[in-house]
Amino acid sequence: TVYKNGTEVSMQPMEYDCLLLFWNYRNRVMTREQILNILWGVEFSG
């Protein structure tokens, strides 16, 4: 779950996973393709 100023913010599962990914690799540049590969799997062709 995610809260802003004490109020819960509704987030879709992929939004949450993307947010956590950014945190885990904060202050590092990630390409769109790298993010897709991590969140959807290396075979994702979208």
ModelCIF file with pLDDT and N, C-alpha, C, O atoms, coordinates in Angstrom:
data_MODEL
#
_entry.id   MODEL 
#
_entity.id                         1 
_entity.type                       polymer 
_entity.pdbx_number_of_molecules   1 
#
_entity_poly.entity_id                      1 
_entity_poly.type                           'polypeptide(L)' 
_entity_poly.nstd_linkage                   no 
_entity_poly.nstd_monomer                   no 
_entity_poly.pdbx_seq_one_letter_code       TVYKNGTEVSMQPMEYDCLLLFWNYRNRVMTREQILNILWGVEFSG 
_entity_poly.pdbx_seq_one_letter_code_can   TVYKNGTEVSMQPMEYDCLLLFWNYRNRVMTREQILNILWGVEFSG 
_entity_poly.pdbx_strand_id                 A 
#
loop_
_entity_poly_seq.entity_id 
_entity_poly_seq.num 
_entity_poly_seq.mon_id 
_entity_poly_seq.hetero 
1 1  THR n 
1 2  VAL n 
1 3  TYR n 
1 4  LYS n 
1 5  ASN n 
1 6  GLY n 
1 7  THR n 
1 8  GLU n 
1 9  VAL n 
1 10 SER n 
1 11 MET n 
1 12 GLN n 
1 13 PRO n 
1 14 MET n 
1 15 GLU n 
1 16 TYR n 
1 17 ASP n 
1 18 CYS n 
1 19 LEU n 
1 20 LEU n 
1 21 LEU n 
1 22 PHE n 
1 23 TRP n 
1 24 ASN n 
1 25 TYR n 
1 26 ARG n 
1 27 ASN n 
1 28 ARG n 
1 29 VAL n 
1 30 MET n 
1 31 THR n 
1 32 ARG n 
1 33 GLU n 
1 34 GLN n 
1 35 ILE n 
1 36 LEU n 
1 37 ASN n 
1 38 ILE n 
1 39 LEU n 
1 40 TRP n 
1 41 GLY n 
1 42 VAL n 
1 43 GLU n 
1 44 PHE n 
1 45 SER n 
1 46 GLY n 
#
_struct_asym.id          A 
_struct_asym.entity_id   1 
#
loop_
_ma_qa_metric.id 
_ma_qa_metric.mode 
_ma_qa_metric.name 
_ma_qa_metric.software_group_id 
_ma_qa_metric.type 
1 global pLDDT . pLDDT 
2 local  pLDDT . pLDDT 
#
_ma_qa_metric_global.metric_id      1 
_ma_qa_metric_global.metric_value   82.39 
_ma_qa_metric_global.model_id       1 
_ma_qa_metric_global.ordinal_id     1 
#
loop_
_ma_qa_metric_local.label_asym_id 
_ma_qa_metric_local.label_comp_id 
_ma_qa_metric_local.label_seq_id 
_ma_qa_metric_local.metric_id 
_ma_qa_metric_local.metric_value 
_ma_qa_metric_local.model_id 
_ma_qa_metric_local.ordinal_id 
A THR 1  2 93.00 1 1  
A VAL 2  2 96.00 1 2  
A TYR 3  2 97.00 1 3  
A LYS 4  2 96.00 1 4  
A ASN 5  2 95.00 1 5  
A GLY 6  2 94.00 1 6  
A THR 7  2 95.00 1 7  
A GLU 8  2 96.00 1 8  
A VAL 9  2 96.00 1 9  
A SER 10 2 94.00 1 10 
A MET 11 2 91.00 1 11 
A GLN 12 2 89.00 1 12 
A PRO 13 2 86.00 1 13 
A MET 14 2 85.00 1 14 
A GLU 15 2 91.00 1 15 
A TYR 16 2 90.00 1 16 
A ASP 17 2 86.00 1 17 
A CYS 18 2 90.00 1 18 
A LEU 19 2 94.00 1 19 
A LEU 20 2 88.00 1 20 
A LEU 21 2 86.00 1 21 
A PHE 22 2 91.00 1 22 
A TRP 23 2 90.00 1 23 
A ASN 24 2 80.00 1 24 
A TYR 25 2 82.00 1 25 
A ARG 26 2 87.00 1 26 
A ASN 27 2 88.00 1 27 
A ARG 28 2 86.00 1 28 
A VAL 29 2 88.00 1 29 
A MET 30 2 86.00 1 30 
A THR 31 2 86.00 1 31 
A ARG 32 2 86.00 1 32 
A GLU 33 2 81.00 1 33 
A GLN 34 2 80.00 1 34 
A ILE 35 2 83.00 1 35 
A LEU 36 2 79.00 1 36 
A ASN 37 2 72.00 1 37 
A ILE 38 2 72.00 1 38 
A LEU 39 2 72.00 1 39 
A TRP 40 2 66.00 1 40 
A GLY 41 2 55.00 1 41 
A VAL 42 2 47.00 1 42 
A GLU 43 2 48.00 1 43 
A PHE 44 2 50.00 1 44 
A SER 45 2 52.00 1 45 
A GLY 46 2 55.00 1 46 
#
loop_
_atom_site.group_PDB 
_atom_site.id 
_atom_site.type_symbol 
_atom_site.label_atom_id 
_atom_site.label_alt_id 
_atom_site.label_comp_id 
_atom_site.label_asym_id 
_atom_site.label_entity_id 
_atom_site.label_seq_id 
_atom_site.pdbx_PDB_ins_code 
_atom_site.Cartn_x 
_atom_site.Cartn_y 
_atom_site.Cartn_z 
_atom_site.occupancy 
_atom_site.B_iso_or_equiv 
_atom_site.pdbx_formal_charge 
_atom_site.auth_seq_id 
_atom_site.auth_comp_id 
_atom_site.auth_asym_id 
_atom_site.auth_atom_id 
_atom_site.pdbx_PDB_model_num 
ATOM 1   N N  . THR A 1 1  ? 0.838  -1.189  0.000   1.00 93.00 ? 1  THR A N  1 
ATOM 2   C CA . THR A 1 1  ? 0.000  0.000   0.000   1.00 93.00 ? 1  THR A CA 1 
ATOM 3   C C  . THR A 1 1  ? 0.879  1.247   0.000   1.00 93.00 ? 1  THR A C  1 
ATOM 4   O O  . THR A 1 1  ? 2.036  1.210   0.419   1.00 93.00 ? 1  THR A O  1 
ATOM 5   N N  . VAL A 1 2  ? 0.302  2.357   -0.482  1.00 96.00 ? 2  VAL A N  1 
ATOM 6   C CA . VAL A 1 2  ? 1.030  3.617   -0.582  1.00 96.00 ? 2  VAL A CA 1 
ATOM 7   C C  . VAL A 1 2  ? 0.172  4.725   0.024   1.00 96.00 ? 2  VAL A C  1 
ATOM 8   O O  . VAL A 1 2  ? -1.015 4.842   -0.282  1.00 96.00 ? 2  VAL A O  1 
ATOM 9   N N  . TYR A 1 3  ? 0.786  5.534   0.885   1.00 97.00 ? 3  TYR A N  1 
ATOM 10  C CA . TYR A 1 3  ? 0.084  6.647   1.525   1.00 97.00 ? 3  TYR A CA 1 
ATOM 11  C C  . TYR A 1 3  ? 0.799  7.960   1.206   1.00 97.00 ? 3  TYR A C  1 
ATOM 12  O O  . TYR A 1 3  ? 2.028  8.023   1.165   1.00 97.00 ? 3  TYR A O  1 
ATOM 13  N N  . LYS A 1 4  ? 0.005  9.000   0.983   1.00 96.00 ? 4  LYS A N  1 
ATOM 14  C CA . LYS A 1 4  ? 0.532  10.343  0.792   1.00 96.00 ? 4  LYS A CA 1 
ATOM 15  C C  . LYS A 1 4  ? -0.150 11.274  1.793   1.00 96.00 ? 4  LYS A C  1 
ATOM 16  O O  . LYS A 1 4  ? -1.374 11.409  1.799   1.00 96.00 ? 4  LYS A O  1 
ATOM 17  N N  . ASN A 1 5  ? 0.653  11.907  2.629   1.00 95.00 ? 5  ASN A N  1 
ATOM 18  C CA . ASN A 1 5  ? 0.116  12.771  3.695   1.00 95.00 ? 5  ASN A CA 1 
ATOM 19  C C  . ASN A 1 5  ? -0.902 12.032  4.565   1.00 95.00 ? 5  ASN A C  1 
ATOM 20  O O  . ASN A 1 5  ? -1.883 12.621  5.018   1.00 95.00 ? 5  ASN A O  1 
ATOM 21  N N  . GLY A 1 6  ? -0.661 10.739  4.794   1.00 94.00 ? 6  GLY A N  1 
ATOM 22  C CA . GLY A 1 6  ? -1.533 9.958   5.660   1.00 94.00 ? 6  GLY A CA 1 
ATOM 23  C C  . GLY A 1 6  ? -2.758 9.381   4.998   1.00 94.00 ? 6  GLY A C  1 
ATOM 24  O O  . GLY A 1 6  ? -3.525 8.667   5.643   1.00 94.00 ? 6  GLY A O  1 
ATOM 25  N N  . THR A 1 7  ? -2.965 9.670   3.717   1.00 95.00 ? 7  THR A N  1 
ATOM 26  C CA . THR A 1 7  ? -4.137 9.167   2.995   1.00 95.00 ? 7  THR A CA 1 
ATOM 27  C C  . THR A 1 7  ? -3.705 8.126   1.977   1.00 95.00 ? 7  THR A C  1 
ATOM 28  O O  . THR A 1 7  ? -2.771 8.348   1.207   1.00 95.00 ? 7  THR A O  1 
ATOM 29  N N  . GLU A 1 8  ? -4.391 6.985   1.978   1.00 96.00 ? 8  GLU A N  1 
ATOM 30  C CA . GLU A 1 8  ? -4.018 5.918   1.057   1.00 96.00 ? 8  GLU A CA 1 
ATOM 31  C C  . GLU A 1 8  ? -4.283 6.339   -0.387  1.00 96.00 ? 8  GLU A C  1 
ATOM 32  O O  . GLU A 1 8  ? -5.321 6.921   -0.704  1.00 96.00 ? 8  GLU A O  1 
ATOM 33  N N  . VAL A 1 9  ? -3.322 6.032   -1.247  1.00 96.00 ? 9  VAL A N  1 
ATOM 34  C CA . VAL A 1 9  ? -3.435 6.321   -2.673  1.00 96.00 ? 9  VAL A CA 1 
ATOM 35  C C  . VAL A 1 9  ? -3.694 5.009   -3.407  1.00 96.00 ? 9  VAL A C  1 
ATOM 36  O O  . VAL A 1 9  ? -2.940 4.048   -3.256  1.00 96.00 ? 9  VAL A O  1 
ATOM 37  N N  . SER A 1 10 ? -4.752 4.975   -4.192  1.00 94.00 ? 10 SER A N  1 
ATOM 38  C CA . SER A 1 10 ? -5.081 3.773   -4.957  1.00 94.00 ? 10 SER A CA 1 
ATOM 39  C C  . SER A 1 10 ? -4.102 3.621   -6.111  1.00 94.00 ? 10 SER A C  1 
ATOM 40  O O  . SER A 1 10 ? -3.952 4.520   -6.939  1.00 94.00 ? 10 SER A O  1 
ATOM 41  N N  . MET A 1 11 ? -3.430 2.454   -6.154  1.00 91.00 ? 11 MET A N  1 
ATOM 42  C CA . MET A 1 11 ? -2.464 2.199   -7.219  1.00 91.00 ? 11 MET A CA 1 
ATOM 43  C C  . MET A 1 11 ? -2.691 0.825   -7.822  1.00 91.00 ? 11 MET A C  1 
ATOM 44  O O  . MET A 1 11 ? -2.950 -0.148  -7.113  1.00 91.00 ? 11 MET A O  1 
ATOM 45  N N  . GLN A 1 12 ? -2.588 0.763   -9.144  1.00 89.00 ? 12 GLN A N  1 
ATOM 46  C CA . GLN A 1 12 ? -2.678 -0.512  -9.824  1.00 89.00 ? 12 GLN A CA 1 
ATOM 47  C C  . GLN A 1 12 ? -1.430 -1.345  -9.512  1.00 89.00 ? 12 GLN A C  1 
ATOM 48  O O  . GLN A 1 12 ? -0.370 -0.783  -9.234  1.00 89.00 ? 12 GLN A O  1 
ATOM 49  N N  . PRO A 1 13 ? -1.542 -2.685  -9.554  1.00 86.00 ? 13 PRO A N  1 
ATOM 50  C CA . PRO A 1 13 ? -0.381 -3.528  -9.219  1.00 86.00 ? 13 PRO A CA 1 
ATOM 51  C C  . PRO A 1 13 ? 0.877  -3.172  -10.003 1.00 86.00 ? 13 PRO A C  1 
ATOM 52  O O  . PRO A 1 13 ? 1.967  -3.133  -9.433  1.00 86.00 ? 13 PRO A O  1 
ATOM 53  N N  . MET A 1 14 ? 0.743  -2.911  -11.307 1.00 85.00 ? 14 MET A N  1 
ATOM 54  C CA . MET A 1 14 ? 1.927  -2.595  -12.090 1.00 85.00 ? 14 MET A CA 1 
ATOM 55  C C  . MET A 1 14 ? 2.481  -1.218  -11.734 1.00 85.00 ? 14 MET A C  1 
ATOM 56  O O  . MET A 1 14 ? 3.692  -1.009  -11.803 1.00 85.00 ? 14 MET A O  1 
ATOM 57  N N  . GLU A 1 15 ? 1.627  -0.288  -11.361 1.00 91.00 ? 15 GLU A N  1 
ATOM 58  C CA . GLU A 1 15 ? 2.103  1.017   -10.908 1.00 91.00 ? 15 GLU A CA 1 
ATOM 59  C C  . GLU A 1 15 ? 2.918  0.864   -9.624  1.00 91.00 ? 15 GLU A C  1 
ATOM 60  O O  . GLU A 1 15 ? 3.974  1.476   -9.466  1.00 91.00 ? 15 GLU A O  1 
ATOM 61  N N  . TYR A 1 16 ? 2.406  0.033   -8.707  1.00 90.00 ? 16 TYR A N  1 
ATOM 62  C CA . TYR A 1 16 ? 3.132  -0.204  -7.452  1.00 90.00 ? 16 TYR A CA 1 
ATOM 63  C C  . TYR A 1 16 ? 4.481  -0.856  -7.732  1.00 90.00 ? 16 TYR A C  1 
ATOM 64  O O  . TYR A 1 16 ? 5.498  -0.439  -7.179  1.00 90.00 ? 16 TYR A O  1 
ATOM 65  N N  . ASP A 1 17 ? 4.495  -1.878  -8.589  1.00 86.00 ? 17 ASP A N  1 
ATOM 66  C CA . ASP A 1 17 ? 5.748  -2.571  -8.902  1.00 86.00 ? 17 ASP A CA 1 
ATOM 67  C C  . ASP A 1 17 ? 6.742  -1.625  -9.567  1.00 86.00 ? 17 ASP A C  1 
ATOM 68  O O  . ASP A 1 17 ? 7.942  -1.684  -9.296  1.00 86.00 ? 17 ASP A O  1 
ATOM 69  N N  . CYS A 1 18 ? 6.243  -0.760  -10.429 1.00 90.00 ? 18 CYS A N  1 
ATOM 70  C CA . CYS A 1 18 ? 7.104  0.207   -11.104 1.00 90.00 ? 18 CYS A CA 1 
ATOM 71  C C  . CYS A 1 18 ? 7.683  1.201   -10.096 1.00 90.00 ? 18 CYS A C  1 
ATOM 72  O O  . CYS A 1 18 ? 8.864  1.540   -10.163 1.00 90.00 ? 18 CYS A O  1 
ATOM 73  N N  . LEU A 1 19 ? 6.856  1.660   -9.174  1.00 94.00 ? 19 LEU A N  1 
ATOM 74  C CA . LEU A 1 19 ? 7.315  2.577   -8.131  1.00 94.00 ? 19 LEU A CA 1 
ATOM 75  C C  . LEU A 1 19 ? 8.400  1.936   -7.283  1.00 94.00 ? 19 LEU A C  1 
ATOM 76  O O  . LEU A 1 19 ? 9.415  2.567   -6.987  1.00 94.00 ? 19 LEU A O  1 
ATOM 77  N N  . LEU A 1 20 ? 8.190  0.678   -6.889  1.00 88.00 ? 20 LEU A N  1 
ATOM 78  C CA . LEU A 1 20 ? 9.170  -0.019  -6.060  1.00 88.00 ? 20 LEU A CA 1 
ATOM 79  C C  . LEU A 1 20 ? 10.468 -0.257  -6.836  1.00 88.00 ? 20 LEU A C  1 
ATOM 80  O O  . LEU A 1 20 ? 11.559 -0.204  -6.268  1.00 88.00 ? 20 LEU A O  1 
ATOM 81  N N  . LEU A 1 21 ? 10.337 -0.517  -8.132  1.00 86.00 ? 21 LEU A N  1 
ATOM 82  C CA . LEU A 1 21 ? 11.520 -0.692  -8.970  1.00 86.00 ? 21 LEU A CA 1 
ATOM 83  C C  . LEU A 1 21 ? 12.355 0.588   -9.000  1.00 86.00 ? 21 LEU A C  1 
ATOM 84  O O  . LEU A 1 21 ? 13.578 0.542   -8.869  1.00 86.00 ? 21 LEU A O  1 
ATOM 85  N N  . PHE A 1 22 ? 11.687 1.722   -9.173  1.00 91.00 ? 22 PHE A N  1 
ATOM 86  C CA . PHE A 1 22 ? 12.404 3.001   -9.165  1.00 91.00 ? 22 PHE A CA 1 
ATOM 87  C C  . PHE A 1 22 ? 13.127 3.210   -7.829  1.00 91.00 ? 22 PHE A C  1 
ATOM 88  O O  . PHE A 1 22 ? 14.259 3.692   -7.792  1.00 91.00 ? 22 PHE A O  1 
ATOM 89  N N  . TRP A 1 23 ? 12.451 2.837   -6.730  1.00 90.00 ? 23 TRP A N  1 
ATOM 90  C CA . TRP A 1 23 ? 13.090 3.001   -5.416  1.00 90.00 ? 23 TRP A CA 1 
ATOM 91  C C  . TRP A 1 23 ? 14.311 2.103   -5.267  1.00 90.00 ? 23 TRP A C  1 
ATOM 92  O O  . TRP A 1 23 ? 15.364 2.544   -4.807  1.00 90.00 ? 23 TRP A O  1 
ATOM 93  N N  . ASN A 1 24 ? 14.163 0.847   -5.659  1.00 80.00 ? 24 ASN A N  1 
ATOM 94  C CA . ASN A 1 24 ? 15.271 -0.100  -5.515  1.00 80.00 ? 24 ASN A CA 1 
ATOM 95  C C  . ASN A 1 24 ? 16.491 0.327   -6.327  1.00 80.00 ? 24 ASN A C  1 
ATOM 96  O O  . ASN A 1 24 ? 17.624 0.017   -5.960  1.00 80.00 ? 24 ASN A O  1 
ATOM 97  N N  . TYR A 1 25 ? 16.258 1.036   -7.431  1.00 82.00 ? 25 TYR A N  1 
ATOM 98  C CA . TYR A 1 25 ? 17.360 1.473   -8.291  1.00 82.00 ? 25 TYR A CA 1 
ATOM 99  C C  . TYR A 1 25 ? 17.356 2.988   -8.430  1.00 82.00 ? 25 TYR A C  1 
ATOM 100 O O  . TYR A 1 25 ? 17.585 3.541   -9.506  1.00 82.00 ? 25 TYR A O  1 
ATOM 101 N N  . ARG A 1 26 ? 17.084 3.646   -7.289  1.00 87.00 ? 26 ARG A N  1 
ATOM 102 C CA . ARG A 1 26 ? 17.032 5.101   -7.237  1.00 87.00 ? 26 ARG A CA 1 
ATOM 103 C C  . ARG A 1 26 ? 18.376 5.710   -7.616  1.00 87.00 ? 26 ARG A C  1 
ATOM 104 O O  . ARG A 1 26 ? 19.446 5.148   -7.381  1.00 87.00 ? 26 ARG A O  1 
ATOM 105 N N  . ASN A 1 27 ? 18.258 6.879   -8.210  1.00 88.00 ? 27 ASN A N  1 
ATOM 106 C CA . ASN A 1 27 ? 19.426 7.655   -8.656  1.00 88.00 ? 27 ASN A CA 1 
ATOM 107 C C  . ASN A 1 27 ? 20.206 6.970   -9.777  1.00 88.00 ? 27 ASN A C  1 
ATOM 108 O O  . ASN A 1 27 ? 21.344 7.343   -10.063 1.00 88.00 ? 27 ASN A O  1 
ATOM 109 N N  . ARG A 1 28 ? 19.599 5.973   -10.406 1.00 86.00 ? 28 ARG A N  1 
ATOM 110 C CA . ARG A 1 28 ? 20.203 5.338   -11.582 1.00 86.00 ? 28 ARG A CA 1 
ATOM 111 C C  . ARG A 1 28 ? 19.265 5.503   -12.762 1.00 86.00 ? 28 ARG A C  1 
ATOM 112 O O  . ARG A 1 28 ? 18.045 5.461   -12.605 1.00 86.00 ? 28 ARG A O  1 
ATOM 113 N N  . VAL A 1 29 ? 19.830 5.689   -13.935 1.00 88.00 ? 29 VAL A N  1 
ATOM 114 C CA . VAL A 1 29 ? 19.017 5.805   -15.145 1.00 88.00 ? 29 VAL A CA 1 
ATOM 115 C C  . VAL A 1 29 ? 18.623 4.414   -15.621 1.00 88.00 ? 29 VAL A C  1 
ATOM 116 O O  . VAL A 1 29 ? 19.455 3.512   -15.703 1.00 88.00 ? 29 VAL A O  1 
ATOM 117 N N  . MET A 1 30 ? 17.323 4.254   -15.938 1.00 86.00 ? 30 MET A N  1 
ATOM 118 C CA . MET A 1 30 ? 16.825 2.998   -16.502 1.00 86.00 ? 30 MET A CA 1 
ATOM 119 C C  . MET A 1 30 ? 16.120 3.307   -17.820 1.00 86.00 ? 30 MET A C  1 
ATOM 120 O O  . MET A 1 30 ? 15.336 4.253   -17.903 1.00 86.00 ? 30 MET A O  1 
ATOM 121 N N  . THR A 1 31 ? 16.397 2.517   -18.837 1.00 86.00 ? 31 THR A N  1 
ATOM 122 C CA . THR A 1 31 ? 15.709 2.694   -20.101 1.00 86.00 ? 31 THR A CA 1 
ATOM 123 C C  . THR A 1 31 ? 14.306 2.101   -20.011 1.00 86.00 ? 31 THR A C  1 
ATOM 124 O O  . THR A 1 31 ? 14.016 1.296   -19.126 1.00 86.00 ? 31 THR A O  1 
ATOM 125 N N  . ARG A 1 32 ? 13.444 2.508   -20.934 1.00 86.00 ? 32 ARG A N  1 
ATOM 126 C CA . ARG A 1 32 ? 12.094 1.938   -20.969 1.00 86.00 ? 32 ARG A CA 1 
ATOM 127 C C  . ARG A 1 32 ? 12.150 0.425   -21.193 1.00 86.00 ? 32 ARG A C  1 
ATOM 128 O O  . ARG A 1 32 ? 11.378 -0.327  -20.595 1.00 86.00 ? 32 ARG A O  1 
ATOM 129 N N  . GLU A 1 33 ? 13.064 -0.013  -22.054 1.00 81.00 ? 33 GLU A N  1 
ATOM 130 C CA . GLU A 1 33 ? 13.171 -1.442  -22.345 1.00 81.00 ? 33 GLU A CA 1 
ATOM 131 C C  . GLU A 1 33 ? 13.610 -2.228  -21.108 1.00 81.00 ? 33 GLU A C  1 
ATOM 132 O O  . GLU A 1 33 ? 13.111 -3.327  -20.862 1.00 81.00 ? 33 GLU A O  1 
ATOM 133 N N  . GLN A 1 34 ? 14.526 -1.678  -20.340 1.00 80.00 ? 34 GLN A N  1 
ATOM 134 C CA . GLN A 1 34 ? 14.957 -2.355  -19.117 1.00 80.00 ? 34 GLN A CA 1 
ATOM 135 C C  . GLN A 1 34 ? 13.803 -2.481  -18.129 1.00 80.00 ? 34 GLN A C  1 
ATOM 136 O O  . GLN A 1 34 ? 13.623 -3.531  -17.511 1.00 80.00 ? 34 GLN A O  1 
ATOM 137 N N  . ILE A 1 35 ? 13.030 -1.426  -17.981 1.00 83.00 ? 35 ILE A N  1 
ATOM 138 C CA . ILE A 1 35 ? 11.894 -1.459  -17.060 1.00 83.00 ? 35 ILE A CA 1 
ATOM 139 C C  . ILE A 1 35 ? 10.876 -2.499  -17.509 1.00 83.00 ? 35 ILE A C  1 
ATOM 140 O O  . ILE A 1 35 ? 10.353 -3.258  -16.693 1.00 83.00 ? 35 ILE A O  1 
ATOM 141 N N  . LEU A 1 36 ? 10.596 -2.532  -18.812 1.00 79.00 ? 36 LEU A N  1 
ATOM 142 C CA . LEU A 1 36 ? 9.656  -3.523  -19.345 1.00 79.00 ? 36 LEU A CA 1 
ATOM 143 C C  . LEU A 1 36 ? 10.157 -4.939  -19.102 1.00 79.00 ? 36 LEU A C  1 
ATOM 144 O O  . LEU A 1 36 ? 9.399  -5.814  -18.684 1.00 79.00 ? 36 LEU A O  1 
ATOM 145 N N  . ASN A 1 37 ? 11.435 -5.155  -19.365 1.00 72.00 ? 37 ASN A N  1 
ATOM 146 C CA . ASN A 1 37 ? 11.988 -6.504  -19.209 1.00 72.00 ? 37 ASN A CA 1 
ATOM 147 C C  . ASN A 1 37 ? 11.912 -6.974  -17.766 1.00 72.00 ? 37 ASN A C  1 
ATOM 148 O O  . ASN A 1 37 ? 11.661 -8.151  -17.509 1.00 72.00 ? 37 ASN A O  1 
ATOM 149 N N  . ILE A 1 38 ? 12.127 -6.070  -16.826 1.00 72.00 ? 38 ILE A N  1 
ATOM 150 C CA . ILE A 1 38 ? 12.099 -6.449  -15.420 1.00 72.00 ? 38 ILE A CA 1 
ATOM 151 C C  . ILE A 1 38 ? 10.670 -6.704  -14.949 1.00 72.00 ? 38 ILE A C  1 
ATOM 152 O O  . ILE A 1 38 ? 10.408 -7.683  -14.250 1.00 72.00 ? 38 ILE A O  1 
ATOM 153 N N  . LEU A 1 39 ? 9.752  -5.828  -15.332 1.00 72.00 ? 39 LEU A N  1 
ATOM 154 C CA . LEU A 1 39 ? 8.379  -5.927  -14.830 1.00 72.00 ? 39 LEU A CA 1 
ATOM 155 C C  . LEU A 1 39 ? 7.546  -6.968  -15.564 1.00 72.00 ? 39 LEU A C  1 
ATOM 156 O O  . LEU A 1 39 ? 6.690  -7.615  -14.961 1.00 72.00 ? 39 LEU A O  1 
ATOM 157 N N  . TRP A 1 40 ? 7.790  -7.137  -16.865 1.00 66.00 ? 40 TRP A N  1 
ATOM 158 C CA . TRP A 1 40 ? 6.977  -8.065  -17.639 1.00 66.00 ? 40 TRP A CA 1 
ATOM 159 C C  . TRP A 1 40 ? 7.715  -9.332  -18.027 1.00 66.00 ? 40 TRP A C  1 
ATOM 160 O O  . TRP A 1 40 ? 7.095  -10.314 -18.434 1.00 66.00 ? 40 TRP A O  1 
ATOM 161 N N  . GLY A 1 41 ? 9.017  -9.317  -17.904 1.00 55.00 ? 41 GLY A N  1 
ATOM 162 C CA . GLY A 1 41 ? 9.800  -10.483 -18.305 1.00 55.00 ? 41 GLY A CA 1 
ATOM 163 C C  . GLY A 1 41 ? 10.575 -10.190 -19.576 1.00 55.00 ? 41 GLY A C  1 
ATOM 164 O O  . GLY A 1 41 ? 10.182 -9.344  -20.379 1.00 55.00 ? 41 GLY A O  1 
ATOM 165 N N  . VAL A 1 42 ? 11.684 -10.903 -19.747 1.00 47.00 ? 42 VAL A N  1 
ATOM 166 C CA . VAL A 1 42 ? 12.598 -10.602 -20.842 1.00 47.00 ? 42 VAL A CA 1 
ATOM 167 C C  . VAL A 1 42 ? 11.991 -10.879 -22.210 1.00 47.00 ? 42 VAL A C  1 
ATOM 168 O O  . VAL A 1 42 ? 12.497 -10.370 -23.210 1.00 47.00 ? 42 VAL A O  1 
ATOM 169 N N  . GLU A 1 43 ? 10.931 -11.663 -22.287 1.00 48.00 ? 43 GLU A N  1 
ATOM 170 C CA . GLU A 1 43 ? 10.348 -11.984 -23.585 1.00 48.00 ? 43 GLU A CA 1 
ATOM 171 C C  . GLU A 1 43 ? 9.248  -11.015 -23.981 1.00 48.00 ? 43 GLU A C  1 
ATOM 172 O O  . GLU A 1 43 ? 8.651  -11.170 -25.046 1.00 48.00 ? 43 GLU A O  1 
ATOM 173 N N  . PHE A 1 44 ? 8.959  -10.000 -23.133 1.00 50.00 ? 44 PHE A N  1 
ATOM 174 C CA . PHE A 1 44 ? 7.894  -9.072  -23.437 1.00 50.00 ? 44 PHE A CA 1 
ATOM 175 C C  . PHE A 1 44 ? 8.225  -8.293  -24.704 1.00 50.00 ? 44 PHE A C  1 
ATOM 176 O O  . PHE A 1 44 ? 9.315  -7.732  -24.818 1.00 50.00 ? 44 PHE A O  1 
ATOM 177 N N  . SER A 1 45 ? 7.297  -8.253  -25.654 1.00 52.00 ? 45 SER A N  1 
ATOM 178 C CA . SER A 1 45 ? 7.553  -7.607  -26.940 1.00 52.00 ? 45 SER A CA 1 
ATOM 179 C C  . SER A 1 45 ? 6.597  -6.448  -27.185 1.00 52.00 ? 45 SER A C  1 
ATOM 180 O O  . SER A 1 45 ? 6.398  -6.046  -28.331 1.00 52.00 ? 45 SER A O  1 
ATOM 181 N N  . GLY A 1 46 ? 6.001  -5.903  -26.124 1.00 55.00 ? 46 GLY A N  1 
ATOM 182 C CA . GLY A 1 46 ? 5.043  -4.821  -26.274 1.00 55.00 ? 46 GLY A CA 1 
ATOM 183 C C  . GLY A 1 46 ? 5.698  -3.484  -26.536 1.00 55.00 ? 46 GLY A C  1 
ATOM 184 O O  . GLY A 1 46 ? 5.007  -2.476  -26.684 1.00 55.00 ? 46 GLY A O  1 
#
